[in-house]
Amino acid sequence: MNTKDSVLPPPARPGNLPNFIASNLRLLRKQAGWSQTELAEKVGLNRGNIASYESGCAEPSICKLLRISNLFDITTRDFTRRDFNDPTELALARSTHHDERNDRRERFASYRERCNELGGLIDSSHHLFEYKRATLDKPCKEAEIYSAQYLQLLELSNQLMKEHRNLLDELGRQCS
């Protein structure tokens, strides 16, 4: 598709990959029916940034590219490397993004499930420890030392689990 509005990527030099950011951004924005200002507001930029990206005068940082590509349900890799002027490329890119997002969600759910399992194992271990300690008549000095070491490891394990849950919560907010 060669119209006066289309922006073609510069010819690839040997060893360089093609870059379709400018043409893809313009195409996707127009398909969505947004002005440059509307797109800029949706991704937290200004109109000048979008104009610069579409004209090929500038390229977005990876964080900005990620915001833009997520808005259009496209991976950053596909956004930069596929020519969406070909409708099959755009459909494939959206399908890929959808599949990758589902895979990430499934992995994330399994991490949460494993976190809960580990927390249960730690709790179970602590309950067993407390039971054994309560039923032991006269613990020897060595048992007292092991007990103190276990309690230190328990505290460390609980702190690590807390940090792990916090990390999963933070990632959950970023990846949703």
N, C-alpha and C. Protein backbone atom coordinates (compact mmCIF):
# COMPACT_ATOMS: atom_id res chain seq x y z
N MET A 1 0.85 -1.18 0.00
CA MET A 1 0.00 0.00 0.00
C MET A 1 0.89 1.22 0.00
N ASN A 2 0.89 1.97 -1.06
CA ASN A 2 1.74 3.14 -1.17
C ASN A 2 0.89 4.36 -1.41
N THR A 3 0.58 5.07 -0.35
CA THR A 3 -0.15 6.32 -0.47
C THR A 3 0.75 7.41 0.06
N LYS A 4 0.33 8.65 -0.16
CA LYS A 4 1.19 9.73 0.31
C LYS A 4 1.21 9.80 1.83
N ASP A 5 0.19 9.17 2.51
CA ASP A 5 0.15 9.18 3.96
C ASP A 5 0.97 8.06 4.58
N SER A 6 1.30 7.03 3.80
CA SER A 6 2.02 5.91 4.41
C SER A 6 3.47 6.29 4.65
N VAL A 7 3.99 5.73 5.72
CA VAL A 7 5.40 5.95 6.06
C VAL A 7 6.09 4.62 5.90
N LEU A 8 7.02 4.55 5.00
CA LEU A 8 7.74 3.31 4.77
C LEU A 8 9.00 3.31 5.61
N PRO A 9 9.36 2.15 6.13
CA PRO A 9 10.59 2.09 6.91
C PRO A 9 11.78 2.29 5.99
N PRO A 10 12.88 2.80 6.55
CA PRO A 10 14.06 2.94 5.71
C PRO A 10 14.52 1.56 5.26
N PRO A 11 15.16 1.50 4.09
CA PRO A 11 15.61 0.19 3.62
C PRO A 11 16.57 -0.42 4.65
N ALA A 12 16.43 -1.71 4.85
CA ALA A 12 17.28 -2.39 5.83
C ALA A 12 18.69 -2.52 5.26
N ARG A 13 19.65 -2.10 6.06
CA ARG A 13 21.04 -2.30 5.69
C ARG A 13 21.42 -3.73 6.06
N PRO A 14 22.43 -4.27 5.42
CA PRO A 14 22.83 -5.63 5.78
C PRO A 14 23.08 -5.72 7.29
N GLY A 15 22.49 -6.74 7.92
CA GLY A 15 22.67 -6.92 9.36
C GLY A 15 21.65 -6.16 10.20
N ASN A 16 20.89 -5.24 9.59
CA ASN A 16 19.88 -4.49 10.33
C ASN A 16 18.51 -5.08 10.06
N LEU A 17 17.68 -5.06 11.09
CA LEU A 17 16.31 -5.54 10.94
C LEU A 17 15.41 -4.41 10.50
N PRO A 18 14.34 -4.72 9.78
CA PRO A 18 13.40 -3.66 9.39
C PRO A 18 12.70 -3.11 10.63
N ASN A 19 12.26 -1.86 10.54
CA ASN A 19 11.57 -1.22 11.66
C ASN A 19 10.29 -0.59 11.12
N PHE A 20 9.16 -1.08 11.61
CA PHE A 20 7.86 -0.63 11.11
C PHE A 20 7.11 0.22 12.13
N ILE A 21 7.79 0.77 13.11
CA ILE A 21 7.11 1.53 14.16
C ILE A 21 6.27 2.66 13.56
N ALA A 22 6.87 3.46 12.71
CA ALA A 22 6.18 4.64 12.18
C ALA A 22 4.93 4.26 11.40
N SER A 23 5.08 3.35 10.45
CA SER A 23 3.93 2.99 9.61
C SER A 23 2.87 2.23 10.41
N ASN A 24 3.30 1.35 11.30
CA ASN A 24 2.33 0.59 12.09
C ASN A 24 1.57 1.48 13.06
N LEU A 25 2.27 2.42 13.68
CA LEU A 25 1.60 3.31 14.62
C LEU A 25 0.52 4.13 13.91
N ARG A 26 0.88 4.68 12.79
CA ARG A 26 -0.08 5.49 12.03
C ARG A 26 -1.29 4.64 11.60
N LEU A 27 -1.01 3.46 11.07
CA LEU A 27 -2.08 2.57 10.61
C LEU A 27 -3.02 2.19 11.76
N LEU A 28 -2.46 1.77 12.88
CA LEU A 28 -3.29 1.33 14.00
C LEU A 28 -4.08 2.48 14.60
N ARG A 29 -3.46 3.64 14.68
CA ARG A 29 -4.16 4.82 15.21
C ARG A 29 -5.35 5.16 14.32
N LYS A 30 -5.11 5.17 13.01
CA LYS A 30 -6.20 5.51 12.08
C LYS A 30 -7.29 4.44 12.11
N GLN A 31 -6.91 3.17 12.21
CA GLN A 31 -7.92 2.10 12.30
C GLN A 31 -8.79 2.27 13.55
N ALA A 32 -8.18 2.74 14.62
CA ALA A 32 -8.93 2.95 15.87
C ALA A 32 -9.78 4.21 15.80
N GLY A 33 -9.52 5.06 14.80
CA GLY A 33 -10.28 6.30 14.65
C GLY A 33 -9.85 7.39 15.62
N TRP A 34 -8.59 7.35 16.05
CA TRP A 34 -8.09 8.33 17.01
C TRP A 34 -7.21 9.37 16.33
N SER A 35 -7.25 10.55 16.86
CA SER A 35 -6.30 11.58 16.44
C SER A 35 -4.98 11.31 17.18
N GLN A 36 -3.94 12.00 16.77
CA GLN A 36 -2.66 11.86 17.47
C GLN A 36 -2.82 12.27 18.93
N THR A 37 -3.60 13.31 19.17
CA THR A 37 -3.82 13.80 20.54
C THR A 37 -4.54 12.75 21.38
N GLU A 38 -5.56 12.12 20.80
CA GLU A 38 -6.31 11.09 21.54
C GLU A 38 -5.42 9.90 21.89
N LEU A 39 -4.61 9.46 20.93
CA LEU A 39 -3.69 8.36 21.20
C LEU A 39 -2.70 8.76 22.29
N ALA A 40 -2.16 9.96 22.16
CA ALA A 40 -1.18 10.44 23.14
C ALA A 40 -1.77 10.42 24.56
N GLU A 41 -3.00 10.86 24.70
CA GLU A 41 -3.65 10.87 26.02
C GLU A 41 -3.82 9.45 26.57
N LYS A 42 -4.11 8.50 25.70
CA LYS A 42 -4.34 7.12 26.14
C LYS A 42 -3.07 6.46 26.66
N VAL A 43 -1.92 6.91 26.17
CA VAL A 43 -0.66 6.29 26.59
C VAL A 43 0.22 7.23 27.41
N GLY A 44 -0.32 8.37 27.81
CA GLY A 44 0.41 9.28 28.69
C GLY A 44 1.54 10.03 28.01
N LEU A 45 1.36 10.39 26.75
CA LEU A 45 2.36 11.16 26.01
C LEU A 45 1.71 12.44 25.51
N ASN A 46 2.47 13.22 24.73
CA ASN A 46 1.86 14.38 24.10
C ASN A 46 1.79 14.16 22.60
N ARG A 47 0.99 14.96 21.93
CA ARG A 47 0.77 14.80 20.50
C ARG A 47 2.07 14.86 19.71
N GLY A 48 2.98 15.71 20.14
CA GLY A 48 4.25 15.85 19.44
C GLY A 48 5.05 14.55 19.42
N ASN A 49 4.99 13.81 20.53
CA ASN A 49 5.67 12.51 20.56
C ASN A 49 5.11 11.59 19.48
N ILE A 50 3.80 11.50 19.43
CA ILE A 50 3.15 10.61 18.46
C ILE A 50 3.49 11.05 17.03
N ALA A 51 3.44 12.35 16.78
CA ALA A 51 3.78 12.87 15.45
C ALA A 51 5.22 12.51 15.08
N SER A 52 6.13 12.63 16.03
CA SER A 52 7.54 12.29 15.77
C SER A 52 7.71 10.81 15.48
N TYR A 53 6.99 9.98 16.21
CA TYR A 53 7.09 8.53 15.99
C TYR A 53 6.52 8.17 14.62
N GLU A 54 5.38 8.76 14.27
CA GLU A 54 4.74 8.44 12.99
C GLU A 54 5.55 8.94 11.80
N SER A 55 6.25 10.03 11.97
CA SER A 55 7.05 10.55 10.86
C SER A 55 8.40 9.85 10.76
N GLY A 56 8.74 9.07 11.77
CA GLY A 56 10.02 8.37 11.77
C GLY A 56 11.17 9.23 12.25
N CYS A 57 10.87 10.45 12.74
CA CYS A 57 11.93 11.34 13.24
C CYS A 57 12.46 10.88 14.59
N ALA A 58 11.65 10.15 15.33
CA ALA A 58 12.06 9.66 16.65
C ALA A 58 11.44 8.29 16.86
N GLU A 59 11.99 7.57 17.81
CA GLU A 59 11.43 6.27 18.19
C GLU A 59 11.13 6.30 19.68
N PRO A 60 10.05 5.64 20.08
CA PRO A 60 9.70 5.63 21.50
C PRO A 60 10.68 4.79 22.31
N SER A 61 10.83 5.15 23.58
CA SER A 61 11.61 4.31 24.49
C SER A 61 10.88 2.98 24.63
N ILE A 62 11.55 2.00 25.18
CA ILE A 62 10.93 0.69 25.31
C ILE A 62 9.69 0.75 26.20
N CYS A 63 9.73 1.57 27.25
CA CYS A 63 8.55 1.69 28.13
C CYS A 63 7.37 2.31 27.37
N LYS A 64 7.65 3.33 26.57
CA LYS A 64 6.57 3.96 25.80
C LYS A 64 6.07 3.01 24.71
N LEU A 65 6.98 2.30 24.09
CA LEU A 65 6.59 1.33 23.06
C LEU A 65 5.73 0.23 23.68
N LEU A 66 6.05 -0.18 24.87
CA LEU A 66 5.27 -1.20 25.56
C LEU A 66 3.85 -0.71 25.84
N ARG A 67 3.72 0.54 26.30
CA ARG A 67 2.39 1.11 26.54
C ARG A 67 1.58 1.17 25.25
N ILE A 68 2.22 1.61 24.18
CA ILE A 68 1.53 1.73 22.89
C ILE A 68 1.13 0.35 22.37
N SER A 69 2.07 -0.58 22.39
CA SER A 69 1.77 -1.91 21.84
C SER A 69 0.70 -2.62 22.67
N ASN A 70 0.71 -2.45 23.99
CA ASN A 70 -0.34 -3.06 24.82
C ASN A 70 -1.70 -2.47 24.50
N LEU A 71 -1.75 -1.17 24.24
CA LEU A 71 -3.01 -0.53 23.89
C LEU A 71 -3.63 -1.17 22.64
N PHE A 72 -2.78 -1.53 21.70
CA PHE A 72 -3.26 -2.11 20.44
C PHE A 72 -3.25 -3.65 20.45
N ASP A 73 -2.97 -4.26 21.59
CA ASP A 73 -2.91 -5.72 21.72
C ASP A 73 -1.91 -6.35 20.76
N ILE A 74 -0.71 -5.80 20.76
CA ILE A 74 0.36 -6.27 19.90
C ILE A 74 1.61 -6.40 20.76
N THR A 75 2.45 -7.40 20.51
CA THR A 75 3.73 -7.46 21.22
C THR A 75 4.65 -6.38 20.66
N THR A 76 5.59 -5.94 21.46
CA THR A 76 6.54 -4.92 20.97
C THR A 76 7.37 -5.48 19.81
N ARG A 77 7.71 -6.75 19.89
CA ARG A 77 8.49 -7.37 18.81
C ARG A 77 7.72 -7.30 17.49
N ASP A 78 6.42 -7.67 17.52
CA ASP A 78 5.62 -7.62 16.30
C ASP A 78 5.38 -6.19 15.85
N PHE A 79 5.20 -5.29 16.80
CA PHE A 79 4.96 -3.88 16.48
C PHE A 79 6.12 -3.30 15.67
N THR A 80 7.33 -3.72 16.02
CA THR A 80 8.50 -3.16 15.34
C THR A 80 8.92 -3.95 14.10
N ARG A 81 8.62 -5.24 14.04
CA ARG A 81 9.16 -6.09 12.98
C ARG A 81 8.18 -6.55 11.91
N ARG A 82 6.89 -6.42 12.15
CA ARG A 82 5.89 -6.86 11.15
C ARG A 82 5.27 -5.65 10.47
N ASP A 83 4.97 -5.81 9.20
CA ASP A 83 4.33 -4.74 8.44
C ASP A 83 2.82 -4.96 8.48
N PHE A 84 2.13 -4.14 9.28
CA PHE A 84 0.69 -4.31 9.47
C PHE A 84 -0.12 -3.79 8.29
N ASN A 85 0.53 -3.25 7.27
CA ASN A 85 -0.20 -2.92 6.04
C ASN A 85 -0.72 -4.21 5.39
N ASP A 86 -0.09 -5.32 5.73
CA ASP A 86 -0.58 -6.64 5.31
C ASP A 86 -1.53 -7.13 6.40
N PRO A 87 -2.83 -7.23 6.11
CA PRO A 87 -3.81 -7.60 7.14
C PRO A 87 -3.52 -8.94 7.82
N THR A 88 -2.92 -9.88 7.09
CA THR A 88 -2.61 -11.16 7.73
C THR A 88 -1.53 -11.00 8.79
N GLU A 89 -0.60 -10.08 8.56
CA GLU A 89 0.45 -9.82 9.56
C GLU A 89 -0.16 -9.24 10.84
N LEU A 90 -1.11 -8.33 10.67
CA LEU A 90 -1.77 -7.72 11.83
C LEU A 90 -2.58 -8.77 12.59
N ALA A 91 -3.31 -9.60 11.88
CA ALA A 91 -4.11 -10.65 12.53
C ALA A 91 -3.21 -11.63 13.27
N LEU A 92 -2.11 -12.00 12.65
CA LEU A 92 -1.15 -12.91 13.28
C LEU A 92 -0.54 -12.27 14.53
N ALA A 93 -0.21 -10.99 14.44
CA ALA A 93 0.37 -10.29 15.58
C ALA A 93 -0.60 -10.23 16.75
N ARG A 94 -1.86 -9.97 16.48
CA ARG A 94 -2.86 -9.91 17.56
C ARG A 94 -3.08 -11.29 18.17
N SER A 95 -3.09 -12.30 17.33
CA SER A 95 -3.24 -13.67 17.81
C SER A 95 -2.06 -14.06 18.70
N THR A 96 -0.86 -13.71 18.27
CA THR A 96 0.34 -13.99 19.04
C THR A 96 0.28 -13.30 20.39
N HIS A 97 -0.11 -12.03 20.39
CA HIS A 97 -0.19 -11.28 21.65
C HIS A 97 -1.21 -11.92 22.59
N HIS A 98 -2.34 -12.31 22.05
CA HIS A 98 -3.39 -12.95 22.85
C HIS A 98 -2.86 -14.25 23.46
N ASP A 99 -2.19 -15.08 22.65
CA ASP A 99 -1.65 -16.36 23.13
C ASP A 99 -0.59 -16.14 24.20
N GLU A 100 0.31 -15.18 23.97
CA GLU A 100 1.36 -14.91 24.95
C GLU A 100 0.77 -14.39 26.25
N ARG A 101 -0.24 -13.53 26.17
CA ARG A 101 -0.88 -13.00 27.37
C ARG A 101 -1.54 -14.13 28.16
N ASN A 102 -2.21 -15.04 27.47
CA ASN A 102 -2.83 -16.18 28.15
C ASN A 102 -1.78 -17.08 28.79
N ASP A 103 -0.67 -17.31 28.10
CA ASP A 103 0.42 -18.11 28.66
C ASP A 103 0.98 -17.45 29.93
N ARG A 104 1.17 -16.13 29.89
CA ARG A 104 1.67 -15.41 31.08
C ARG A 104 0.69 -15.54 32.24
N ARG A 105 -0.59 -15.40 31.95
CA ARG A 105 -1.60 -15.52 33.02
C ARG A 105 -1.58 -16.91 33.64
N GLU A 106 -1.46 -17.93 32.81
CA GLU A 106 -1.42 -19.30 33.32
C GLU A 106 -0.17 -19.52 34.17
N ARG A 107 0.99 -19.04 33.70
CA ARG A 107 2.22 -19.17 34.49
C ARG A 107 2.09 -18.43 35.81
N PHE A 108 1.54 -17.23 35.75
CA PHE A 108 1.37 -16.42 36.95
C PHE A 108 0.45 -17.12 37.94
N ALA A 109 -0.64 -17.70 37.46
CA ALA A 109 -1.57 -18.44 38.33
C ALA A 109 -0.85 -19.62 38.97
N SER A 110 -0.01 -20.31 38.21
CA SER A 110 0.72 -21.45 38.79
C SER A 110 1.74 -20.97 39.83
N TYR A 111 2.35 -19.79 39.63
CA TYR A 111 3.27 -19.25 40.64
C TYR A 111 2.51 -18.94 41.93
N ARG A 112 1.33 -18.37 41.80
CA ARG A 112 0.51 -18.08 42.99
C ARG A 112 0.11 -19.38 43.70
N GLU A 113 -0.28 -20.37 42.92
CA GLU A 113 -0.67 -21.65 43.51
C GLU A 113 0.51 -22.28 44.24
N ARG A 114 1.67 -22.26 43.61
CA ARG A 114 2.88 -22.82 44.24
C ARG A 114 3.24 -22.04 45.50
N CYS A 115 3.07 -20.74 45.48
CA CYS A 115 3.33 -19.91 46.65
C CYS A 115 2.43 -20.33 47.81
N ASN A 116 1.16 -20.55 47.51
CA ASN A 116 0.22 -20.99 48.55
C ASN A 116 0.59 -22.38 49.08
N GLU A 117 1.02 -23.27 48.19
CA GLU A 117 1.44 -24.61 48.63
C GLU A 117 2.64 -24.52 49.56
N LEU A 118 3.63 -23.71 49.19
CA LEU A 118 4.82 -23.56 50.02
C LEU A 118 4.47 -22.95 51.37
N GLY A 119 3.59 -21.96 51.36
CA GLY A 119 3.14 -21.36 52.62
C GLY A 119 2.48 -22.41 53.51
N GLY A 120 1.69 -23.29 52.91
CA GLY A 120 1.04 -24.37 53.66
C GLY A 120 2.06 -25.34 54.25
N LEU A 121 3.10 -25.65 53.47
CA LEU A 121 4.15 -26.54 53.97
C LEU A 121 4.89 -25.92 55.15
N ILE A 122 5.17 -24.64 55.06
CA ILE A 122 5.85 -23.95 56.16
C ILE A 122 4.97 -23.95 57.40
N ASP A 123 3.69 -23.64 57.23
CA ASP A 123 2.76 -23.65 58.37
C ASP A 123 2.66 -25.04 58.98
N SER A 124 2.57 -26.06 58.13
CA SER A 124 2.48 -27.43 58.62
C SER A 124 3.72 -27.81 59.41
N SER A 125 4.87 -27.44 58.90
CA SER A 125 6.13 -27.71 59.60
C SER A 125 6.15 -27.02 60.96
N HIS A 126 5.65 -25.80 61.01
CA HIS A 126 5.63 -25.06 62.27
C HIS A 126 4.67 -25.72 63.27
N HIS A 127 3.52 -26.17 62.81
CA HIS A 127 2.57 -26.85 63.69
C HIS A 127 3.18 -28.13 64.26
N LEU A 128 3.87 -28.89 63.41
CA LEU A 128 4.54 -30.10 63.88
C LEU A 128 5.60 -29.76 64.92
N PHE A 129 6.38 -28.73 64.63
CA PHE A 129 7.41 -28.30 65.58
C PHE A 129 6.79 -27.94 66.94
N GLU A 130 5.72 -27.16 66.91
CA GLU A 130 5.07 -26.74 68.16
C GLU A 130 4.50 -27.95 68.91
N TYR A 131 3.94 -28.90 68.19
CA TYR A 131 3.42 -30.11 68.82
C TYR A 131 4.55 -30.89 69.49
N LYS A 132 5.64 -31.11 68.76
CA LYS A 132 6.77 -31.86 69.30
C LYS A 132 7.36 -31.15 70.51
N ARG A 133 7.48 -29.85 70.43
CA ARG A 133 8.06 -29.08 71.54
C ARG A 133 7.16 -29.17 72.77
N ALA A 134 5.85 -29.12 72.55
CA ALA A 134 4.91 -29.17 73.68
C ALA A 134 4.85 -30.56 74.33
N THR A 135 5.10 -31.61 73.55
CA THR A 135 5.00 -32.97 74.10
C THR A 135 6.34 -33.50 74.60
N LEU A 136 7.39 -32.78 74.41
CA LEU A 136 8.71 -33.20 74.87
C LEU A 136 8.85 -32.86 76.35
N ASP A 137 9.15 -33.87 77.18
CA ASP A 137 9.22 -33.64 78.63
C ASP A 137 10.37 -32.71 79.00
N LYS A 138 11.57 -33.20 78.83
CA LYS A 138 12.74 -32.40 79.19
C LYS A 138 13.70 -32.40 78.01
N PRO A 139 13.64 -31.33 77.19
CA PRO A 139 14.55 -31.31 76.03
C PRO A 139 16.00 -31.14 76.47
N CYS A 140 16.86 -31.83 75.79
CA CYS A 140 18.29 -31.69 76.08
C CYS A 140 18.80 -30.37 75.49
N LYS A 141 20.01 -30.01 75.87
CA LYS A 141 20.61 -28.75 75.42
C LYS A 141 20.69 -28.71 73.88
N GLU A 142 21.03 -29.84 73.29
CA GLU A 142 21.13 -29.92 71.83
C GLU A 142 19.77 -29.64 71.18
N ALA A 143 18.70 -30.16 71.75
CA ALA A 143 17.36 -29.93 71.23
C ALA A 143 16.99 -28.45 71.34
N GLU A 144 17.42 -27.80 72.40
CA GLU A 144 17.17 -26.36 72.56
C GLU A 144 17.87 -25.56 71.46
N ILE A 145 19.08 -25.96 71.12
CA ILE A 145 19.84 -25.28 70.06
C ILE A 145 19.13 -25.48 68.72
N TYR A 146 18.74 -26.74 68.43
CA TYR A 146 18.02 -27.02 67.18
C TYR A 146 16.70 -26.24 67.12
N SER A 147 16.05 -26.15 68.26
CA SER A 147 14.79 -25.42 68.34
C SER A 147 14.99 -23.94 67.99
N ALA A 148 16.04 -23.35 68.55
CA ALA A 148 16.33 -21.94 68.27
C ALA A 148 16.67 -21.75 66.79
N GLN A 149 17.45 -22.68 66.24
CA GLN A 149 17.81 -22.59 64.82
C GLN A 149 16.57 -22.76 63.93
N TYR A 150 15.70 -23.67 64.30
CA TYR A 150 14.47 -23.86 63.53
C TYR A 150 13.63 -22.58 63.54
N LEU A 151 13.50 -21.97 64.71
CA LEU A 151 12.69 -20.74 64.81
C LEU A 151 13.29 -19.62 63.97
N GLN A 152 14.62 -19.55 63.90
CA GLN A 152 15.26 -18.56 63.04
C GLN A 152 14.96 -18.85 61.57
N LEU A 153 15.06 -20.12 61.19
CA LEU A 153 14.76 -20.50 59.80
C LEU A 153 13.28 -20.27 59.48
N LEU A 154 12.42 -20.52 60.45
CA LEU A 154 10.99 -20.27 60.25
C LEU A 154 10.74 -18.78 60.01
N GLU A 155 11.37 -17.96 60.83
CA GLU A 155 11.20 -16.50 60.66
C GLU A 155 11.71 -16.06 59.28
N LEU A 156 12.85 -16.57 58.89
CA LEU A 156 13.41 -16.25 57.57
C LEU A 156 12.48 -16.74 56.46
N SER A 157 11.98 -17.96 56.59
CA SER A 157 11.08 -18.52 55.57
C SER A 157 9.81 -17.69 55.46
N ASN A 158 9.25 -17.30 56.59
CA ASN A 158 8.04 -16.47 56.56
C ASN A 158 8.31 -15.12 55.93
N GLN A 159 9.48 -14.54 56.21
CA GLN A 159 9.83 -13.26 55.59
C GLN A 159 9.99 -13.41 54.08
N LEU A 160 10.64 -14.49 53.65
CA LEU A 160 10.79 -14.74 52.21
C LEU A 160 9.43 -14.95 51.55
N MET A 161 8.54 -15.68 52.20
CA MET A 161 7.20 -15.89 51.64
C MET A 161 6.44 -14.57 51.54
N LYS A 162 6.59 -13.73 52.54
CA LYS A 162 5.92 -12.42 52.50
C LYS A 162 6.45 -11.60 51.33
N GLU A 163 7.77 -11.58 51.15
CA GLU A 163 8.37 -10.85 50.03
C GLU A 163 7.93 -11.46 48.69
N HIS A 164 7.85 -12.77 48.63
CA HIS A 164 7.43 -13.45 47.41
C HIS A 164 5.98 -13.08 47.07
N ARG A 165 5.11 -13.07 48.06
CA ARG A 165 3.71 -12.68 47.83
C ARG A 165 3.63 -11.22 47.37
N ASN A 166 4.43 -10.36 48.02
CA ASN A 166 4.44 -8.94 47.61
C ASN A 166 4.89 -8.80 46.16
N LEU A 167 5.91 -9.55 45.79
CA LEU A 167 6.40 -9.52 44.41
C LEU A 167 5.32 -10.01 43.44
N LEU A 168 4.65 -11.10 43.78
CA LEU A 168 3.57 -11.60 42.93
C LEU A 168 2.44 -10.58 42.82
N ASP A 169 2.12 -9.91 43.94
CA ASP A 169 1.07 -8.88 43.90
C ASP A 169 1.48 -7.73 42.98
N GLU A 170 2.74 -7.30 43.11
CA GLU A 170 3.23 -6.19 42.28
C GLU A 170 3.22 -6.58 40.80
N LEU A 171 3.72 -7.76 40.50
CA LEU A 171 3.71 -8.23 39.11
C LEU A 171 2.29 -8.38 38.59
N GLY A 172 1.40 -8.82 39.44
CA GLY A 172 0.00 -8.96 39.04
C GLY A 172 -0.61 -7.64 38.64
N ARG A 173 -0.26 -6.58 39.36
CA ARG A 173 -0.78 -5.26 39.01
C ARG A 173 -0.17 -4.76 37.71
N GLN A 174 1.10 -5.06 37.47
CA GLN A 174 1.77 -4.58 36.25
C GLN A 174 1.35 -5.36 35.02
N CYS A 175 1.09 -6.64 35.18
CA CYS A 175 0.85 -7.51 34.03
C CYS A 175 -0.61 -7.66 33.67
N SER A 176 -1.49 -7.20 34.48
CA SER A 176 -2.91 -7.39 34.19
C SER A 176 -3.39 -6.50 33.08
